[in-house]
Amino acid sequence: MDWDRFANFQPHEFVCSHTGKNGMKPGFMEKLQALRTEYGKPMTVTSGYRHPTHPIEARKASPGAHASGRAADIAVSGGDALKIIELALKHGFTGIGVNQKGDGRFIHLDDLKPEPGRPRPWVWSY
């Protein structure tokens, strides 16, 4: 993937902490860059690609959006979190997970397509 297309992100931000691999998909990154450009502020990625053997993915019945390279968690809270959600809907993200309790607040973004048992668009809280 040509990371020069994503001016506000670096490959190391999305590397799996378990394997060191980066399997992010260009289409997802294009949406994330468009969101970031309109947001106009730095965004801290706390989780990007997760290899299917990553402990979080391995506990699931089947690997999730992070394992497909189509998800990222962004550290954000308060009014900025609301703005990220607003922009995510505008830019075509179909999965929005919200964790706004305690430390480690974040918004999960993905652009998965609907499948049986996984409706989209969808918003959930952690």
N, C-alpha and C. Protein backbone atom coordinates (compact mmCIF):
# COMPACT_ATOMS: atom_id res chain seq x y z
N MET A 1 0.85 -1.17 0.00
CA MET A 1 0.00 0.00 0.00
C MET A 1 0.90 1.24 0.00
N ASP A 2 0.48 2.26 -0.71
CA ASP A 2 1.22 3.51 -0.78
C ASP A 2 0.78 4.42 0.37
N TRP A 3 1.53 4.40 1.45
CA TRP A 3 1.17 5.17 2.64
C TRP A 3 1.32 6.67 2.42
N ASP A 4 1.99 7.10 1.37
CA ASP A 4 2.10 8.53 1.07
C ASP A 4 0.73 9.14 0.77
N ARG A 5 -0.24 8.31 0.41
CA ARG A 5 -1.60 8.79 0.12
C ARG A 5 -2.34 9.21 1.40
N PHE A 6 -1.81 8.82 2.54
CA PHE A 6 -2.49 9.07 3.81
C PHE A 6 -1.63 10.00 4.66
N ALA A 7 -1.71 11.28 4.35
CA ALA A 7 -0.79 12.28 4.89
C ALA A 7 -0.75 12.34 6.41
N ASN A 8 -1.83 11.98 7.07
CA ASN A 8 -1.90 12.14 8.52
C ASN A 8 -1.68 10.85 9.30
N PHE A 9 -1.30 9.79 8.60
CA PHE A 9 -1.11 8.50 9.27
C PHE A 9 0.20 7.86 8.82
N GLN A 10 0.77 7.06 9.71
CA GLN A 10 1.99 6.33 9.43
C GLN A 10 1.71 4.83 9.60
N PRO A 11 2.38 3.99 8.81
CA PRO A 11 2.12 2.54 8.90
C PRO A 11 2.26 1.98 10.31
N HIS A 12 3.23 2.47 11.09
CA HIS A 12 3.46 1.89 12.42
C HIS A 12 2.26 2.08 13.36
N GLU A 13 1.40 3.06 13.07
CA GLU A 13 0.22 3.28 13.92
C GLU A 13 -0.78 2.14 13.82
N PHE A 14 -0.71 1.35 12.76
CA PHE A 14 -1.71 0.33 12.48
C PHE A 14 -1.18 -1.09 12.59
N VAL A 15 0.07 -1.25 13.00
CA VAL A 15 0.72 -2.57 13.07
C VAL A 15 0.13 -3.39 14.22
N CYS A 16 -0.08 -4.66 13.97
CA CYS A 16 -0.56 -5.58 15.01
C CYS A 16 0.49 -5.69 16.11
N SER A 17 0.09 -5.45 17.34
CA SER A 17 1.03 -5.52 18.47
C SER A 17 1.47 -6.96 18.75
N HIS A 18 0.76 -7.92 18.24
CA HIS A 18 1.07 -9.33 18.49
C HIS A 18 2.04 -9.91 17.45
N THR A 19 1.86 -9.51 16.17
CA THR A 19 2.67 -10.11 15.10
C THR A 19 3.59 -9.12 14.38
N GLY A 20 3.33 -7.82 14.54
CA GLY A 20 4.12 -6.83 13.81
C GLY A 20 3.68 -6.65 12.37
N LYS A 21 2.60 -7.31 11.96
CA LYS A 21 2.11 -7.20 10.59
C LYS A 21 1.11 -6.05 10.47
N ASN A 22 1.01 -5.54 9.24
CA ASN A 22 0.07 -4.47 8.94
C ASN A 22 -0.77 -4.90 7.75
N GLY A 23 -2.03 -5.17 8.00
CA GLY A 23 -2.92 -5.64 6.94
C GLY A 23 -4.05 -4.67 6.64
N MET A 24 -3.82 -3.37 6.85
CA MET A 24 -4.87 -2.39 6.60
C MET A 24 -5.21 -2.35 5.11
N LYS A 25 -6.49 -2.14 4.82
CA LYS A 25 -6.98 -2.08 3.44
C LYS A 25 -7.02 -0.63 2.95
N PRO A 26 -6.60 -0.40 1.71
CA PRO A 26 -6.57 0.96 1.17
C PRO A 26 -7.92 1.68 1.22
N GLY A 27 -9.01 0.98 0.91
CA GLY A 27 -10.32 1.62 0.92
C GLY A 27 -10.70 2.16 2.29
N PHE A 28 -10.39 1.39 3.33
CA PHE A 28 -10.65 1.86 4.69
C PHE A 28 -9.79 3.07 5.00
N MET A 29 -8.51 3.00 4.64
CA MET A 29 -7.60 4.10 4.93
C MET A 29 -8.00 5.38 4.20
N GLU A 30 -8.54 5.25 2.99
CA GLU A 30 -9.02 6.43 2.26
C GLU A 30 -10.14 7.12 3.03
N LYS A 31 -11.08 6.33 3.55
CA LYS A 31 -12.17 6.90 4.35
C LYS A 31 -11.63 7.55 5.62
N LEU A 32 -10.70 6.87 6.28
CA LEU A 32 -10.15 7.41 7.53
C LEU A 32 -9.40 8.71 7.27
N GLN A 33 -8.64 8.77 6.17
CA GLN A 33 -7.92 10.00 5.83
C GLN A 33 -8.90 11.12 5.50
N ALA A 34 -9.98 10.82 4.79
CA ALA A 34 -10.98 11.85 4.47
C ALA A 34 -11.61 12.39 5.75
N LEU A 35 -11.92 11.49 6.70
CA LEU A 35 -12.46 11.92 7.98
C LEU A 35 -11.46 12.81 8.70
N ARG A 36 -10.20 12.37 8.76
CA ARG A 36 -9.15 13.13 9.45
C ARG A 36 -8.95 14.51 8.83
N THR A 37 -8.97 14.58 7.51
CA THR A 37 -8.80 15.86 6.82
C THR A 37 -9.91 16.82 7.21
N GLU A 38 -11.15 16.35 7.21
CA GLU A 38 -12.26 17.22 7.58
C GLU A 38 -12.25 17.55 9.08
N TYR A 39 -11.85 16.61 9.91
CA TYR A 39 -11.79 16.83 11.36
C TYR A 39 -10.78 17.93 11.69
N GLY A 40 -9.65 17.94 11.01
CA GLY A 40 -8.68 19.02 11.15
C GLY A 40 -7.83 18.99 12.41
N LYS A 41 -7.84 17.89 13.13
CA LYS A 41 -7.04 17.76 14.35
C LYS A 41 -6.32 16.42 14.32
N PRO A 42 -5.21 16.30 15.05
CA PRO A 42 -4.54 14.99 15.14
C PRO A 42 -5.47 13.93 15.73
N MET A 43 -5.30 12.70 15.28
CA MET A 43 -6.06 11.57 15.79
C MET A 43 -5.07 10.50 16.24
N THR A 44 -5.25 9.99 17.45
CA THR A 44 -4.38 8.94 17.97
C THR A 44 -5.04 7.59 17.76
N VAL A 45 -4.39 6.74 16.98
CA VAL A 45 -4.88 5.39 16.72
C VAL A 45 -4.38 4.49 17.85
N THR A 46 -5.32 3.86 18.56
CA THR A 46 -4.93 2.96 19.65
C THR A 46 -4.94 1.49 19.22
N SER A 47 -5.63 1.19 18.15
CA SER A 47 -5.63 -0.16 17.60
C SER A 47 -6.01 -0.10 16.13
N GLY A 48 -5.21 -0.74 15.30
CA GLY A 48 -5.48 -0.80 13.87
C GLY A 48 -5.65 -2.26 13.47
N TYR A 49 -4.72 -2.75 12.67
CA TYR A 49 -4.78 -4.15 12.24
C TYR A 49 -4.48 -5.08 13.41
N ARG A 50 -5.27 -6.16 13.49
CA ARG A 50 -5.00 -7.24 14.45
C ARG A 50 -5.00 -8.55 13.67
N HIS A 51 -3.89 -9.23 13.70
CA HIS A 51 -3.80 -10.55 13.06
C HIS A 51 -4.81 -11.48 13.73
N PRO A 52 -5.38 -12.44 12.98
CA PRO A 52 -6.35 -13.37 13.60
C PRO A 52 -5.81 -14.11 14.83
N THR A 53 -4.48 -14.21 14.97
CA THR A 53 -3.92 -14.87 16.16
C THR A 53 -3.73 -13.91 17.34
N HIS A 54 -4.00 -12.62 17.14
CA HIS A 54 -3.92 -11.65 18.24
C HIS A 54 -4.86 -12.14 19.35
N PRO A 55 -4.46 -12.04 20.60
CA PRO A 55 -5.29 -12.57 21.70
C PRO A 55 -6.74 -12.07 21.69
N ILE A 56 -6.99 -10.82 21.36
CA ILE A 56 -8.37 -10.32 21.32
C ILE A 56 -9.16 -11.01 20.22
N GLU A 57 -8.55 -11.16 19.04
CA GLU A 57 -9.24 -11.80 17.92
C GLU A 57 -9.40 -13.30 18.16
N ALA A 58 -8.41 -13.93 18.76
CA ALA A 58 -8.44 -15.38 18.98
C ALA A 58 -9.57 -15.80 19.93
N ARG A 59 -10.02 -14.90 20.80
CA ARG A 59 -11.11 -15.20 21.73
C ARG A 59 -12.48 -15.16 21.06
N LYS A 60 -12.55 -14.57 19.88
CA LYS A 60 -13.83 -14.40 19.19
C LYS A 60 -14.21 -15.67 18.42
N ALA A 61 -15.51 -15.83 18.18
CA ALA A 61 -15.99 -16.96 17.38
C ALA A 61 -15.40 -16.91 15.98
N SER A 62 -15.28 -15.71 15.43
CA SER A 62 -14.59 -15.51 14.15
C SER A 62 -13.91 -14.15 14.22
N PRO A 63 -12.79 -13.98 13.51
CA PRO A 63 -12.06 -12.71 13.58
C PRO A 63 -12.95 -11.53 13.20
N GLY A 64 -12.72 -10.39 13.85
CA GLY A 64 -13.54 -9.21 13.65
C GLY A 64 -12.99 -8.25 12.60
N ALA A 65 -13.51 -7.04 12.63
CA ALA A 65 -13.18 -6.01 11.64
C ALA A 65 -11.70 -5.65 11.65
N HIS A 66 -11.09 -5.63 12.82
CA HIS A 66 -9.66 -5.30 12.89
C HIS A 66 -8.83 -6.33 12.12
N ALA A 67 -9.21 -7.60 12.19
CA ALA A 67 -8.47 -8.66 11.51
C ALA A 67 -8.62 -8.59 9.99
N SER A 68 -9.65 -7.90 9.53
CA SER A 68 -9.84 -7.75 8.08
C SER A 68 -9.12 -6.51 7.55
N GLY A 69 -8.52 -5.72 8.45
CA GLY A 69 -7.85 -4.50 8.01
C GLY A 69 -8.81 -3.37 7.70
N ARG A 70 -10.02 -3.47 8.23
CA ARG A 70 -11.05 -2.49 7.92
C ARG A 70 -11.59 -1.81 9.19
N ALA A 71 -10.72 -1.63 10.21
CA ALA A 71 -11.15 -1.01 11.46
C ALA A 71 -9.99 -0.32 12.15
N ALA A 72 -10.35 0.69 12.93
CA ALA A 72 -9.37 1.38 13.77
C ALA A 72 -10.09 1.92 14.99
N ASP A 73 -9.38 1.96 16.11
CA ASP A 73 -9.88 2.60 17.33
C ASP A 73 -9.13 3.91 17.49
N ILE A 74 -9.88 4.97 17.76
CA ILE A 74 -9.32 6.31 17.87
C ILE A 74 -9.52 6.81 19.30
N ALA A 75 -8.45 7.21 19.97
CA ALA A 75 -8.54 7.77 21.33
C ALA A 75 -9.16 9.15 21.23
N VAL A 76 -10.32 9.32 21.85
CA VAL A 76 -11.03 10.60 21.77
C VAL A 76 -12.14 10.59 22.83
N SER A 77 -12.49 11.78 23.32
CA SER A 77 -13.56 11.86 24.31
C SER A 77 -14.32 13.17 24.17
N GLY A 78 -15.44 13.24 24.87
CA GLY A 78 -16.23 14.46 24.93
C GLY A 78 -16.76 14.93 23.58
N GLY A 79 -16.71 16.25 23.39
CA GLY A 79 -17.20 16.86 22.16
C GLY A 79 -16.46 16.38 20.93
N ASP A 80 -15.17 16.08 21.08
CA ASP A 80 -14.41 15.56 19.95
C ASP A 80 -14.92 14.18 19.54
N ALA A 81 -15.34 13.37 20.50
CA ALA A 81 -15.90 12.05 20.18
C ALA A 81 -17.18 12.21 19.37
N LEU A 82 -18.00 13.15 19.77
CA LEU A 82 -19.25 13.40 19.04
C LEU A 82 -18.95 13.85 17.61
N LYS A 83 -17.96 14.69 17.42
CA LYS A 83 -17.58 15.15 16.09
C LYS A 83 -17.07 13.98 15.24
N ILE A 84 -16.27 13.09 15.83
CA ILE A 84 -15.77 11.92 15.09
C ILE A 84 -16.95 11.05 14.65
N ILE A 85 -17.92 10.84 15.51
CA ILE A 85 -19.10 10.04 15.15
C ILE A 85 -19.85 10.70 14.00
N GLU A 86 -20.06 11.99 14.09
CA GLU A 86 -20.74 12.74 13.02
C GLU A 86 -20.02 12.57 11.68
N LEU A 87 -18.70 12.74 11.70
CA LEU A 87 -17.92 12.62 10.47
C LEU A 87 -17.86 11.18 9.98
N ALA A 88 -17.84 10.22 10.90
CA ALA A 88 -17.81 8.81 10.51
C ALA A 88 -19.06 8.46 9.70
N LEU A 89 -20.20 8.92 10.14
CA LEU A 89 -21.44 8.66 9.41
C LEU A 89 -21.39 9.32 8.03
N LYS A 90 -20.89 10.53 7.98
CA LYS A 90 -20.79 11.27 6.71
C LYS A 90 -19.86 10.57 5.72
N HIS A 91 -18.78 9.97 6.20
CA HIS A 91 -17.77 9.39 5.33
C HIS A 91 -17.95 7.89 5.07
N GLY A 92 -19.09 7.34 5.46
CA GLY A 92 -19.41 5.97 5.07
C GLY A 92 -18.95 4.86 5.98
N PHE A 93 -18.56 5.19 7.21
CA PHE A 93 -18.24 4.13 8.16
C PHE A 93 -19.55 3.47 8.58
N THR A 94 -19.55 2.16 8.68
CA THR A 94 -20.78 1.42 8.95
C THR A 94 -20.83 0.81 10.34
N GLY A 95 -19.70 0.75 11.03
CA GLY A 95 -19.64 0.25 12.40
C GLY A 95 -19.00 1.30 13.29
N ILE A 96 -19.72 1.70 14.33
CA ILE A 96 -19.22 2.71 15.25
C ILE A 96 -19.41 2.19 16.67
N GLY A 97 -18.30 1.90 17.33
CA GLY A 97 -18.34 1.45 18.72
C GLY A 97 -17.88 2.58 19.62
N VAL A 98 -18.59 2.79 20.70
CA VAL A 98 -18.35 3.94 21.57
C VAL A 98 -17.95 3.47 22.97
N ASN A 99 -16.76 3.86 23.41
CA ASN A 99 -16.33 3.63 24.79
C ASN A 99 -15.97 5.00 25.36
N GLN A 100 -16.85 5.53 26.20
CA GLN A 100 -16.64 6.85 26.78
C GLN A 100 -16.76 6.81 28.30
N LYS A 101 -16.25 5.71 28.89
CA LYS A 101 -16.25 5.56 30.35
C LYS A 101 -14.82 5.42 30.84
N GLY A 102 -14.50 6.06 31.93
CA GLY A 102 -13.20 5.88 32.57
C GLY A 102 -12.03 6.27 31.70
N ASP A 103 -10.89 5.64 31.98
CA ASP A 103 -9.69 5.88 31.19
C ASP A 103 -9.77 5.10 29.88
N GLY A 104 -8.97 5.49 28.92
CA GLY A 104 -8.91 4.76 27.66
C GLY A 104 -10.13 4.93 26.79
N ARG A 105 -10.73 6.10 26.80
CA ARG A 105 -11.91 6.35 25.98
C ARG A 105 -11.53 6.33 24.50
N PHE A 106 -12.42 5.74 23.68
CA PHE A 106 -12.13 5.65 22.26
C PHE A 106 -13.41 5.48 21.46
N ILE A 107 -13.27 5.66 20.15
CA ILE A 107 -14.32 5.36 19.18
C ILE A 107 -13.75 4.33 18.22
N HIS A 108 -14.46 3.23 18.04
CA HIS A 108 -14.11 2.21 17.04
C HIS A 108 -14.81 2.59 15.74
N LEU A 109 -14.08 2.53 14.63
CA LEU A 109 -14.65 2.78 13.31
C LEU A 109 -14.34 1.60 12.41
N ASP A 110 -15.35 1.15 11.66
CA ASP A 110 -15.10 0.16 10.61
C ASP A 110 -16.03 0.43 9.44
N ASP A 111 -15.73 -0.23 8.32
CA ASP A 111 -16.57 -0.05 7.14
C ASP A 111 -17.00 -1.40 6.55
N LEU A 112 -17.28 -2.35 7.44
CA LEU A 112 -17.71 -3.67 6.99
C LEU A 112 -19.08 -3.60 6.32
N LYS A 113 -19.31 -4.54 5.44
CA LYS A 113 -20.60 -4.68 4.77
C LYS A 113 -21.51 -5.55 5.65
N PRO A 114 -22.83 -5.40 5.49
CA PRO A 114 -23.73 -6.25 6.27
C PRO A 114 -23.59 -7.72 5.87
N GLU A 115 -23.73 -8.59 6.85
CA GLU A 115 -23.74 -10.04 6.65
C GLU A 115 -24.76 -10.61 7.63
N PRO A 116 -25.20 -11.85 7.41
CA PRO A 116 -26.10 -12.46 8.40
C PRO A 116 -25.48 -12.41 9.80
N GLY A 117 -26.23 -11.90 10.74
CA GLY A 117 -25.74 -11.78 12.10
C GLY A 117 -24.90 -10.55 12.36
N ARG A 118 -24.63 -9.76 11.31
CA ARG A 118 -23.86 -8.53 11.49
C ARG A 118 -24.50 -7.42 10.65
N PRO A 119 -25.57 -6.81 11.18
CA PRO A 119 -26.22 -5.73 10.42
C PRO A 119 -25.31 -4.50 10.33
N ARG A 120 -25.48 -3.75 9.29
CA ARG A 120 -24.76 -2.48 9.11
C ARG A 120 -25.70 -1.53 8.40
N PRO A 121 -25.70 -0.24 8.70
CA PRO A 121 -24.87 0.41 9.72
C PRO A 121 -25.32 0.01 11.13
N TRP A 122 -24.36 0.17 12.09
CA TRP A 122 -24.61 -0.28 13.46
C TRP A 122 -23.77 0.57 14.41
N VAL A 123 -24.36 0.90 15.53
CA VAL A 123 -23.65 1.63 16.59
C VAL A 123 -23.82 0.84 17.88
N TRP A 124 -22.74 0.71 18.65
CA TRP A 124 -22.80 -0.01 19.92
C TRP A 124 -21.91 0.68 20.95
N SER A 125 -22.10 0.29 22.20
CA SER A 125 -21.24 0.81 23.27
C SER A 125 -20.53 -0.36 23.94
N TYR A 126 -19.38 -0.06 24.53
CA TYR A 126 -18.59 -1.07 25.24
C TYR A 126 -18.86 -0.96 26.72
